[in-house]
């Protein structure tokens, strides 16, 4: 019984640690200019390291790590969409600059936008508009999130996907933590 209690406490600790890392990643990935590659790499490494102290093999560690990355990405998208749905404000933006970017298949336009109120919108937009053109955007008045067009719908599918990944991660970590080593 003491061994089961110790293993269960380890499962709870592992899950809480990984949830804290994922929440930090979601917070850092807010808006279109998040540090995607280093943050997701750190989440992957943390997800692979969390099963340390168990007899988890490569496949189980990789599954936990990929699930953690999926939670961070989908959670960030859900958070941004939820914020924009709840408190987003529709504004008119003006194309402030236009450059051409090599995207592997050829050149594509990359636009810098500024709202009529003077706020620079972070991140480029890949639409083919001329400098000075106007378009409607929905912006978060208190954060970096924004989307072209009107207010987005409630992110029900993204929230359901994030919840499903959280349940999967918890189940895998509990299974890994409670599994007995072969004697």
N, C-alpha and C. Protein backbone atom coordinates (compact mmCIF):
# COMPACT_ATOMS: atom_id res chain seq x y z
N UNK A 1 0.82 -1.20 0.00
CA UNK A 1 0.00 0.00 0.00
C UNK A 1 0.87 1.26 0.00
N UNK A 2 1.96 1.23 0.75
CA UNK A 2 2.85 2.40 0.82
C UNK A 2 3.48 2.66 -0.55
N UNK A 3 3.80 1.57 -1.29
CA UNK A 3 4.39 1.72 -2.61
C UNK A 3 3.39 2.36 -3.58
N UNK A 4 2.14 1.96 -3.51
CA UNK A 4 1.10 2.53 -4.36
C UNK A 4 0.90 4.01 -4.03
N UNK A 5 0.89 4.35 -2.75
CA UNK A 5 0.74 5.75 -2.34
C UNK A 5 1.89 6.59 -2.85
N UNK A 6 3.11 6.07 -2.78
CA UNK A 6 4.29 6.79 -3.26
C UNK A 6 4.22 6.99 -4.77
N UNK A 7 3.81 5.97 -5.48
CA UNK A 7 3.70 6.07 -6.93
C UNK A 7 2.59 7.04 -7.35
N UNK A 8 1.48 7.03 -6.63
CA UNK A 8 0.38 7.94 -6.93
C UNK A 8 0.79 9.39 -6.66
N UNK A 9 1.50 9.62 -5.57
CA UNK A 9 2.01 10.96 -5.29
C UNK A 9 2.97 11.41 -6.39
N UNK A 10 3.79 10.50 -6.90
CA UNK A 10 4.68 10.81 -8.01
C UNK A 10 3.92 11.18 -9.27
N UNK A 11 2.81 10.48 -9.53
CA UNK A 11 1.99 10.78 -10.71
C UNK A 11 1.39 12.17 -10.59
N UNK A 12 0.88 12.51 -9.42
CA UNK A 12 0.28 13.83 -9.21
C UNK A 12 1.35 14.92 -9.36
N UNK A 13 2.51 14.70 -8.78
CA UNK A 13 3.60 15.68 -8.89
C UNK A 13 4.05 15.86 -10.33
N UNK A 14 4.21 14.77 -11.06
CA UNK A 14 4.62 14.85 -12.46
C UNK A 14 3.60 15.61 -13.29
N UNK A 15 2.33 15.31 -13.07
CA UNK A 15 1.27 15.98 -13.83
C UNK A 15 1.22 17.47 -13.49
N UNK A 16 1.32 17.82 -12.22
CA UNK A 16 1.29 19.24 -11.83
C UNK A 16 2.49 20.00 -12.40
N UNK A 17 3.65 19.37 -12.39
CA UNK A 17 4.84 20.01 -12.95
C UNK A 17 4.66 20.28 -14.45
N UNK A 18 4.16 19.30 -15.16
CA UNK A 18 3.97 19.46 -16.59
C UNK A 18 2.86 20.47 -16.89
N UNK A 19 1.80 20.50 -16.08
CA UNK A 19 0.75 21.49 -16.26
C UNK A 19 1.28 22.91 -16.05
N UNK A 20 2.17 23.08 -15.08
CA UNK A 20 2.77 24.40 -14.84
C UNK A 20 3.63 24.83 -16.04
N UNK A 21 4.40 23.90 -16.59
CA UNK A 21 5.22 24.21 -17.77
C UNK A 21 4.31 24.58 -18.95
N UNK A 22 3.25 23.83 -19.15
CA UNK A 22 2.33 24.10 -20.26
C UNK A 22 1.63 25.46 -20.09
N UNK A 23 1.23 25.78 -18.87
CA UNK A 23 0.58 27.07 -18.65
C UNK A 23 1.56 28.21 -18.93
N UNK A 24 2.80 28.06 -18.48
CA UNK A 24 3.81 29.07 -18.77
C UNK A 24 4.03 29.23 -20.26
N UNK A 25 4.04 28.13 -20.99
CA UNK A 25 4.20 28.19 -22.44
C UNK A 25 3.02 28.88 -23.10
N UNK A 26 1.81 28.56 -22.67
CA UNK A 26 0.62 29.21 -23.22
C UNK A 26 0.69 30.71 -22.98
N UNK A 27 1.12 31.11 -21.81
CA UNK A 27 1.24 32.54 -21.48
C UNK A 27 2.27 33.22 -22.39
N UNK A 28 3.38 32.53 -22.66
CA UNK A 28 4.43 33.11 -23.50
C UNK A 28 4.07 33.12 -24.98
N UNK A 29 3.17 32.26 -25.41
CA UNK A 29 2.82 32.16 -26.82
C UNK A 29 1.63 33.04 -27.20
N UNK A 30 1.17 33.88 -26.29
CA UNK A 30 0.02 34.74 -26.60
C UNK A 30 0.34 35.66 -27.76
N UNK A 31 -0.63 35.82 -28.65
CA UNK A 31 -0.46 36.72 -29.79
C UNK A 31 0.33 36.07 -30.91
N UNK A 32 0.44 36.75 -32.04
CA UNK A 32 1.08 36.16 -33.20
C UNK A 32 2.60 36.20 -33.19
N UNK A 33 3.23 36.94 -32.28
CA UNK A 33 4.68 37.05 -32.28
C UNK A 33 5.32 36.29 -31.13
N UNK A 34 4.71 35.22 -30.66
CA UNK A 34 5.29 34.44 -29.58
C UNK A 34 6.60 33.78 -30.01
N UNK A 35 7.40 33.39 -29.06
CA UNK A 35 8.67 32.72 -29.32
C UNK A 35 8.40 31.23 -29.51
N UNK A 36 7.77 30.87 -30.60
CA UNK A 36 7.24 29.53 -30.80
C UNK A 36 8.29 28.44 -30.70
N UNK A 37 9.39 28.53 -31.43
CA UNK A 37 10.34 27.43 -31.49
C UNK A 37 11.02 27.18 -30.14
N UNK A 38 11.62 28.18 -29.48
CA UNK A 38 12.27 27.88 -28.20
C UNK A 38 11.30 27.46 -27.10
N UNK A 39 10.12 28.05 -27.08
CA UNK A 39 9.15 27.69 -26.05
C UNK A 39 8.65 26.26 -26.23
N UNK A 40 8.31 25.89 -27.47
CA UNK A 40 7.82 24.54 -27.71
C UNK A 40 8.93 23.50 -27.54
N UNK A 41 10.16 23.87 -27.86
CA UNK A 41 11.28 22.96 -27.60
C UNK A 41 11.45 22.72 -26.10
N UNK A 42 11.32 23.78 -25.31
CA UNK A 42 11.42 23.64 -23.85
C UNK A 42 10.28 22.77 -23.31
N UNK A 43 9.07 22.94 -23.85
CA UNK A 43 7.94 22.11 -23.43
C UNK A 43 8.20 20.65 -23.79
N UNK A 44 8.74 20.40 -24.98
CA UNK A 44 9.04 19.03 -25.39
C UNK A 44 10.08 18.40 -24.45
N UNK A 45 11.13 19.13 -24.14
CA UNK A 45 12.18 18.61 -23.25
C UNK A 45 11.61 18.34 -21.86
N UNK A 46 10.79 19.27 -21.36
CA UNK A 46 10.18 19.06 -20.04
C UNK A 46 9.25 17.86 -20.06
N UNK A 47 8.47 17.72 -21.13
CA UNK A 47 7.57 16.58 -21.24
C UNK A 47 8.30 15.25 -21.30
N UNK A 48 9.45 15.25 -21.96
CA UNK A 48 10.24 14.01 -22.04
C UNK A 48 10.94 13.71 -20.73
N UNK A 49 11.25 14.75 -19.95
CA UNK A 49 11.97 14.55 -18.69
C UNK A 49 11.06 14.23 -17.52
N UNK A 50 9.79 14.59 -17.60
CA UNK A 50 8.87 14.38 -16.49
C UNK A 50 8.78 12.91 -16.06
N UNK A 51 8.76 11.94 -16.97
CA UNK A 51 8.69 10.55 -16.52
C UNK A 51 9.99 10.02 -15.90
N UNK A 52 10.99 10.88 -15.65
CA UNK A 52 12.23 10.43 -15.04
C UNK A 52 11.94 9.76 -13.69
N UNK A 53 12.61 8.70 -13.43
CA UNK A 53 12.37 7.96 -12.20
C UNK A 53 11.39 6.82 -12.38
N UNK A 54 10.84 6.69 -13.57
CA UNK A 54 9.96 5.57 -13.89
C UNK A 54 10.69 4.69 -14.90
N UNK A 55 10.10 3.58 -15.24
CA UNK A 55 10.73 2.71 -16.25
C UNK A 55 10.17 3.00 -17.64
N UNK A 56 9.74 4.24 -17.87
CA UNK A 56 9.18 4.63 -19.17
C UNK A 56 10.26 4.57 -20.24
N UNK A 57 9.91 4.00 -21.35
CA UNK A 57 10.82 3.88 -22.48
C UNK A 57 10.66 5.09 -23.40
N UNK A 58 11.39 5.04 -24.51
CA UNK A 58 11.42 6.15 -25.47
C UNK A 58 10.03 6.51 -25.99
N UNK A 59 9.24 5.51 -26.35
CA UNK A 59 7.92 5.78 -26.94
C UNK A 59 7.01 6.49 -25.94
N UNK A 60 7.00 6.05 -24.69
CA UNK A 60 6.15 6.67 -23.68
C UNK A 60 6.60 8.10 -23.40
N UNK A 61 7.91 8.32 -23.30
CA UNK A 61 8.43 9.68 -23.06
C UNK A 61 8.09 10.60 -24.23
N UNK A 62 8.22 10.09 -25.44
CA UNK A 62 7.91 10.90 -26.62
C UNK A 62 6.42 11.20 -26.68
N UNK A 63 5.58 10.25 -26.33
CA UNK A 63 4.13 10.48 -26.32
C UNK A 63 3.77 11.57 -25.32
N UNK A 64 4.35 11.54 -24.14
CA UNK A 64 4.09 12.57 -23.14
C UNK A 64 4.57 13.93 -23.65
N UNK A 65 5.77 13.96 -24.24
CA UNK A 65 6.32 15.22 -24.73
C UNK A 65 5.48 15.81 -25.87
N UNK A 66 5.07 14.97 -26.82
CA UNK A 66 4.26 15.47 -27.92
C UNK A 66 2.88 15.92 -27.46
N UNK A 67 2.32 15.23 -26.47
CA UNK A 67 1.04 15.65 -25.92
C UNK A 67 1.18 17.00 -25.23
N UNK A 68 2.28 17.20 -24.51
CA UNK A 68 2.53 18.48 -23.85
C UNK A 68 2.65 19.61 -24.86
N UNK A 69 3.34 19.37 -25.97
CA UNK A 69 3.46 20.38 -27.02
C UNK A 69 2.08 20.67 -27.62
N UNK A 70 1.29 19.63 -27.86
CA UNK A 70 -0.06 19.82 -28.39
C UNK A 70 -0.93 20.64 -27.46
N UNK A 71 -0.81 20.40 -26.16
CA UNK A 71 -1.58 21.17 -25.18
C UNK A 71 -1.15 22.63 -25.21
N UNK A 72 0.15 22.89 -25.29
CA UNK A 72 0.63 24.27 -25.32
C UNK A 72 0.15 25.01 -26.57
N UNK A 73 0.24 24.36 -27.72
CA UNK A 73 -0.19 25.01 -28.97
C UNK A 73 -1.70 25.22 -28.99
N UNK A 74 -2.45 24.16 -28.75
CA UNK A 74 -3.90 24.27 -28.80
C UNK A 74 -4.44 25.15 -27.67
N UNK A 75 -3.82 25.09 -26.51
CA UNK A 75 -4.22 25.96 -25.40
C UNK A 75 -3.99 27.43 -25.71
N UNK A 76 -2.87 27.74 -26.38
CA UNK A 76 -2.60 29.13 -26.77
C UNK A 76 -3.60 29.64 -27.78
N UNK A 77 -3.94 28.81 -28.76
CA UNK A 77 -4.93 29.19 -29.76
C UNK A 77 -6.29 29.40 -29.09
N UNK A 78 -6.65 28.48 -28.20
CA UNK A 78 -7.93 28.58 -27.49
C UNK A 78 -8.00 29.85 -26.66
N UNK A 79 -6.92 30.14 -25.94
CA UNK A 79 -6.89 31.34 -25.09
C UNK A 79 -7.08 32.60 -25.93
N UNK A 80 -6.30 32.73 -27.01
CA UNK A 80 -6.42 33.91 -27.86
C UNK A 80 -7.83 34.06 -28.43
N UNK A 81 -8.38 32.97 -28.95
CA UNK A 81 -9.73 33.02 -29.53
C UNK A 81 -10.79 33.35 -28.49
N UNK A 82 -10.63 32.79 -27.29
CA UNK A 82 -11.59 33.06 -26.22
C UNK A 82 -11.54 34.54 -25.82
N UNK A 83 -10.33 35.07 -25.67
CA UNK A 83 -10.18 36.48 -25.30
C UNK A 83 -10.80 37.37 -26.38
N UNK A 84 -10.51 37.06 -27.64
CA UNK A 84 -11.05 37.88 -28.73
C UNK A 84 -12.56 37.76 -28.83
N UNK A 85 -13.09 36.57 -28.54
CA UNK A 85 -14.54 36.40 -28.57
C UNK A 85 -15.20 37.19 -27.44
N UNK A 86 -14.63 37.13 -26.24
CA UNK A 86 -15.24 37.77 -25.07
C UNK A 86 -15.06 39.28 -25.03
N UNK A 87 -13.84 39.76 -25.27
CA UNK A 87 -13.62 41.19 -25.09
C UNK A 87 -12.97 41.86 -26.30
N UNK A 88 -12.92 41.16 -27.42
CA UNK A 88 -12.32 41.73 -28.62
C UNK A 88 -13.09 42.94 -29.11
N UNK A 89 -12.36 43.86 -29.71
CA UNK A 89 -12.96 45.09 -30.22
C UNK A 89 -12.65 45.19 -31.71
N UNK A 90 -13.67 45.38 -32.51
CA UNK A 90 -13.46 45.53 -33.95
C UNK A 90 -12.95 46.93 -34.24
N UNK A 91 -11.86 46.99 -35.01
CA UNK A 91 -11.27 48.27 -35.39
C UNK A 91 -10.89 48.20 -36.87
N UNK A 92 -10.64 49.35 -37.43
CA UNK A 92 -10.17 49.42 -38.81
C UNK A 92 -8.65 49.56 -38.76
N UNK A 93 -7.97 48.72 -39.52
CA UNK A 93 -6.51 48.77 -39.59
C UNK A 93 -6.10 49.22 -40.99
N UNK A 94 -4.93 49.85 -41.04
CA UNK A 94 -4.38 50.34 -42.29
C UNK A 94 -3.08 49.59 -42.55
N UNK A 95 -2.86 49.19 -43.79
CA UNK A 95 -1.61 48.54 -44.17
C UNK A 95 -0.51 49.59 -44.12
N UNK A 96 0.43 49.45 -43.17
CA UNK A 96 1.49 50.43 -42.98
C UNK A 96 2.73 50.10 -43.79
N UNK A 97 2.92 48.83 -44.12
CA UNK A 97 4.08 48.43 -44.89
C UNK A 97 3.84 47.10 -45.56
N UNK A 98 4.54 46.90 -46.66
CA UNK A 98 4.39 45.65 -47.40
C UNK A 98 5.76 45.20 -47.88
N UNK A 99 6.09 43.95 -47.63
CA UNK A 99 7.33 43.35 -48.14
C UNK A 99 6.99 42.02 -48.79
N UNK A 100 7.89 41.54 -49.59
CA UNK A 100 7.72 40.22 -50.21
C UNK A 100 8.65 39.25 -49.49
N UNK A 101 8.13 38.10 -49.12
CA UNK A 101 8.86 37.11 -48.34
C UNK A 101 8.92 35.80 -49.12
N UNK A 102 10.09 35.16 -49.11
CA UNK A 102 10.26 33.84 -49.74
C UNK A 102 9.67 32.80 -48.80
N UNK A 103 8.70 32.03 -49.29
CA UNK A 103 8.05 31.03 -48.44
C UNK A 103 8.26 29.59 -48.92
N UNK A 104 9.22 29.36 -49.78
CA UNK A 104 9.50 28.02 -50.27
C UNK A 104 8.83 27.74 -51.60
N UNK A 105 7.65 28.27 -51.82
CA UNK A 105 6.93 28.07 -53.08
C UNK A 105 7.03 29.30 -53.97
N UNK A 106 7.68 30.33 -53.50
CA UNK A 106 7.79 31.57 -54.25
C UNK A 106 7.70 32.75 -53.31
N UNK A 107 7.50 33.91 -53.85
CA UNK A 107 7.36 35.12 -53.04
C UNK A 107 5.90 35.33 -52.66
N UNK A 108 5.69 35.74 -51.44
CA UNK A 108 4.34 36.06 -50.99
C UNK A 108 4.40 37.36 -50.19
N UNK A 109 3.31 38.15 -50.21
CA UNK A 109 3.32 39.43 -49.51
C UNK A 109 3.23 39.24 -47.99
N UNK A 110 3.88 40.13 -47.26
CA UNK A 110 3.83 40.16 -45.81
C UNK A 110 3.52 41.60 -45.41
N UNK A 111 2.43 41.80 -44.70
CA UNK A 111 1.96 43.15 -44.38
C UNK A 111 2.17 43.48 -42.91
N UNK A 112 2.49 44.75 -42.65
CA UNK A 112 2.50 45.31 -41.30
C UNK A 112 1.26 46.17 -41.18
N UNK A 113 0.53 46.01 -40.07
CA UNK A 113 -0.73 46.74 -39.89
C UNK A 113 -0.65 47.69 -38.71
N UNK A 114 -1.41 48.78 -38.82
CA UNK A 114 -1.55 49.75 -37.73
C UNK A 114 -3.02 50.13 -37.68
N UNK A 115 -3.59 50.15 -36.47
CA UNK A 115 -5.00 50.55 -36.36
C UNK A 115 -5.09 52.06 -36.58
N UNK A 116 -6.29 52.53 -36.88
CA UNK A 116 -6.49 53.96 -37.07
C UNK A 116 -6.21 54.74 -35.79
N UNK A 117 -6.27 54.06 -34.64
CA UNK A 117 -5.94 54.70 -33.36
C UNK A 117 -4.43 54.79 -33.16
N UNK A 118 -3.64 54.17 -34.05
CA UNK A 118 -2.18 54.28 -33.97
C UNK A 118 -1.47 53.09 -33.36
N UNK A 119 -2.19 52.05 -32.99
CA UNK A 119 -1.58 50.86 -32.38
C UNK A 119 -0.99 49.95 -33.46
N UNK A 120 0.30 49.63 -33.32
CA UNK A 120 0.95 48.67 -34.24
C UNK A 120 0.48 47.27 -33.86
N UNK A 121 0.03 46.51 -34.83
CA UNK A 121 -0.39 45.13 -34.57
C UNK A 121 0.81 44.21 -34.76
N UNK A 122 1.11 43.38 -33.78
CA UNK A 122 2.30 42.52 -33.87
C UNK A 122 2.11 41.41 -34.89
N UNK A 123 3.21 41.05 -35.51
CA UNK A 123 3.19 39.93 -36.45
C UNK A 123 2.78 40.34 -37.84
N UNK A 124 3.33 39.70 -38.84
CA UNK A 124 2.93 40.01 -40.21
C UNK A 124 1.62 39.34 -40.58
N UNK A 125 1.00 39.84 -41.63
CA UNK A 125 -0.22 39.28 -42.17
C UNK A 125 0.05 38.93 -43.62
N UNK A 126 -0.28 37.72 -44.03
CA UNK A 126 -0.01 37.29 -45.41
C UNK A 126 -1.25 37.43 -46.26
N UNK A 127 -1.56 38.65 -46.60
CA UNK A 127 -2.66 38.95 -47.53
C UNK A 127 -2.08 39.85 -48.61
N UNK A 128 -2.71 39.88 -49.76
CA UNK A 128 -2.22 40.68 -50.87
C UNK A 128 -3.01 41.99 -50.94
N UNK A 129 -2.57 42.98 -50.14
CA UNK A 129 -3.21 44.29 -50.13
C UNK A 129 -2.14 45.36 -50.35
N UNK A 130 -2.55 46.48 -50.89
CA UNK A 130 -1.63 47.59 -51.14
C UNK A 130 -1.43 48.40 -49.86
N UNK A 131 -0.29 49.11 -49.79
CA UNK A 131 -0.03 50.00 -48.66
C UNK A 131 -1.13 51.06 -48.66
N UNK A 132 -1.69 51.32 -47.48
CA UNK A 132 -2.78 52.28 -47.34
C UNK A 132 -4.15 51.65 -47.36
N UNK A 133 -4.24 50.38 -47.75
CA UNK A 133 -5.55 49.70 -47.78
C UNK A 133 -6.07 49.55 -46.35
N UNK A 134 -7.37 49.49 -46.23
CA UNK A 134 -8.01 49.36 -44.92
C UNK A 134 -8.70 48.00 -44.83
N UNK A 135 -8.68 47.44 -43.62
CA UNK A 135 -9.41 46.20 -43.38
C UNK A 135 -9.85 46.15 -41.93
N UNK A 136 -10.89 45.40 -41.66
CA UNK A 136 -11.41 45.26 -40.30
C UNK A 136 -10.64 44.17 -39.57
N UNK A 137 -10.24 44.46 -38.34
CA UNK A 137 -9.56 43.49 -37.49
C UNK A 137 -10.24 43.50 -36.12
N UNK A 138 -10.11 42.40 -35.40
CA UNK A 138 -10.58 42.34 -34.02
C UNK A 138 -9.36 42.26 -33.14
N UNK A 139 -9.24 43.19 -32.18
CA UNK A 139 -8.06 43.26 -31.33
C UNK A 139 -8.44 43.07 -29.87
N UNK A 140 -7.50 42.54 -29.10
CA UNK A 140 -7.65 42.45 -27.65
C UNK A 140 -7.16 43.79 -27.10
N UNK A 141 -8.02 44.56 -26.44
CA UNK A 141 -7.59 45.86 -25.96
C UNK A 141 -6.50 45.79 -24.89
N UNK A 142 -6.38 44.65 -24.21
CA UNK A 142 -5.40 44.53 -23.13
C UNK A 142 -4.26 43.58 -23.44
N UNK A 143 -4.14 43.08 -24.66
CA UNK A 143 -3.10 42.10 -24.96
C UNK A 143 -2.70 42.14 -26.41
N UNK A 144 -1.83 41.20 -26.80
CA UNK A 144 -1.29 41.22 -28.15
C UNK A 144 -2.14 40.50 -29.20
N UNK A 145 -3.18 39.80 -28.80
CA UNK A 145 -3.95 38.98 -29.74
C UNK A 145 -4.79 39.84 -30.67
N UNK A 146 -4.86 39.42 -31.93
CA UNK A 146 -5.72 40.07 -32.92
C UNK A 146 -5.93 39.11 -34.08
N UNK A 147 -7.02 39.29 -34.81
CA UNK A 147 -7.31 38.50 -36.00
C UNK A 147 -7.93 39.42 -37.05
N UNK A 148 -7.67 39.12 -38.32
CA UNK A 148 -8.36 39.88 -39.36
C UNK A 148 -9.83 39.49 -39.39
N UNK A 149 -10.68 40.45 -39.67
CA UNK A 149 -12.11 40.17 -39.76
C UNK A 149 -12.82 40.50 -38.46
N UNK A 150 -14.06 40.06 -38.38
CA UNK A 150 -14.89 40.33 -37.21
C UNK A 150 -14.55 39.43 -36.04
N UNK A 151 -15.32 39.62 -35.00
CA UNK A 151 -15.12 38.86 -33.76
C UNK A 151 -15.29 37.37 -34.02
N UNK A 152 -14.31 36.54 -33.60
CA UNK A 152 -14.42 35.09 -33.85
C UNK A 152 -15.48 34.43 -32.97
N UNK A 153 -15.92 33.28 -33.42
CA UNK A 153 -16.88 32.49 -32.65
C UNK A 153 -16.20 31.95 -31.39
N UNK A 154 -17.00 31.48 -30.45
CA UNK A 154 -16.47 30.86 -29.23
C UNK A 154 -15.67 29.63 -29.63
N UNK A 155 -14.46 29.44 -29.08
CA UNK A 155 -13.58 28.34 -29.51
C UNK A 155 -13.94 27.00 -28.86
N UNK A 156 -15.12 26.49 -29.16
CA UNK A 156 -15.58 25.25 -28.52
C UNK A 156 -14.73 24.05 -28.92
N UNK A 157 -14.42 23.88 -30.21
CA UNK A 157 -13.66 22.72 -30.65
C UNK A 157 -12.22 22.78 -30.14
N UNK A 158 -11.63 23.97 -30.12
CA UNK A 158 -10.27 24.09 -29.61
C UNK A 158 -10.23 23.78 -28.11
N UNK A 159 -11.23 24.25 -27.38
CA UNK A 159 -11.28 23.97 -25.94
C UNK A 159 -11.50 22.48 -25.69
N UNK A 160 -12.37 21.85 -26.49
CA UNK A 160 -12.60 20.41 -26.34
C UNK A 160 -11.33 19.63 -26.67
N UNK A 161 -10.61 20.04 -27.71
CA UNK A 161 -9.36 19.37 -28.06
C UNK A 161 -8.31 19.52 -26.97
N UNK A 162 -8.20 20.72 -26.40
CA UNK A 162 -7.25 20.94 -25.30
C UNK A 162 -7.62 20.07 -24.10
N UNK A 163 -8.91 20.01 -23.77
CA UNK A 163 -9.35 19.17 -22.66
C UNK A 163 -9.07 17.70 -22.89
N UNK A 164 -9.29 17.23 -24.12
CA UNK A 164 -9.01 15.83 -24.44
C UNK A 164 -7.53 15.52 -24.31
N UNK A 165 -6.69 16.43 -24.78
CA UNK A 165 -5.23 16.22 -24.64
C UNK A 165 -4.81 16.23 -23.17
N UNK A 166 -5.43 17.09 -22.37
CA UNK A 166 -5.11 17.10 -20.93
C UNK A 166 -5.50 15.78 -20.27
N UNK A 167 -6.66 15.25 -20.63
CA UNK A 167 -7.07 13.95 -20.08
C UNK A 167 -6.13 12.83 -20.52
N UNK A 168 -5.74 12.85 -21.79
CA UNK A 168 -4.81 11.84 -22.30
C UNK A 168 -3.47 11.92 -21.58
N UNK A 169 -2.96 13.13 -21.41
CA UNK A 169 -1.69 13.31 -20.71
C UNK A 169 -1.77 12.80 -19.28
N UNK A 170 -2.85 13.13 -18.58
CA UNK A 170 -3.00 12.68 -17.20
C UNK A 170 -3.07 11.16 -17.14
N UNK A 171 -3.82 10.55 -18.03
CA UNK A 171 -3.94 9.09 -18.05
C UNK A 171 -2.60 8.43 -18.33
N UNK A 172 -1.84 8.96 -19.29
CA UNK A 172 -0.53 8.37 -19.62
C UNK A 172 0.43 8.53 -18.45
N UNK A 173 0.46 9.70 -17.83
CA UNK A 173 1.37 9.90 -16.70
C UNK A 173 1.01 9.03 -15.50
N UNK A 174 -0.29 8.88 -15.24
CA UNK A 174 -0.70 7.99 -14.14
C UNK A 174 -0.31 6.56 -14.46
N UNK A 175 -0.53 6.13 -15.69
CA UNK A 175 -0.19 4.76 -16.09
C UNK A 175 1.32 4.52 -15.99
N UNK A 176 2.10 5.47 -16.46
CA UNK A 176 3.56 5.35 -16.37
C UNK A 176 4.02 5.30 -14.92
N UNK A 177 3.44 6.15 -14.10
CA UNK A 177 3.86 6.25 -12.69
C UNK A 177 3.44 5.05 -11.87
N UNK A 178 2.29 4.46 -12.15
CA UNK A 178 1.78 3.34 -11.36
C UNK A 178 2.28 1.98 -11.83
N UNK A 179 2.86 1.94 -13.02
CA UNK A 179 3.33 0.66 -13.57
C UNK A 179 4.50 0.15 -12.73
N UNK A 180 4.46 -1.10 -12.44
CA UNK A 180 5.54 -1.73 -11.66
C UNK A 180 6.65 -2.15 -12.60
N UNK A 181 7.87 -2.02 -12.13
CA UNK A 181 9.02 -2.46 -12.90
C UNK A 181 9.01 -3.98 -13.00
N UNK A 182 9.41 -4.52 -14.15
CA UNK A 182 9.47 -5.98 -14.24
C UNK A 182 10.56 -6.52 -13.32
N UNK A 183 10.22 -7.52 -12.57
CA UNK A 183 11.19 -8.06 -11.60
C UNK A 183 11.98 -9.21 -12.15
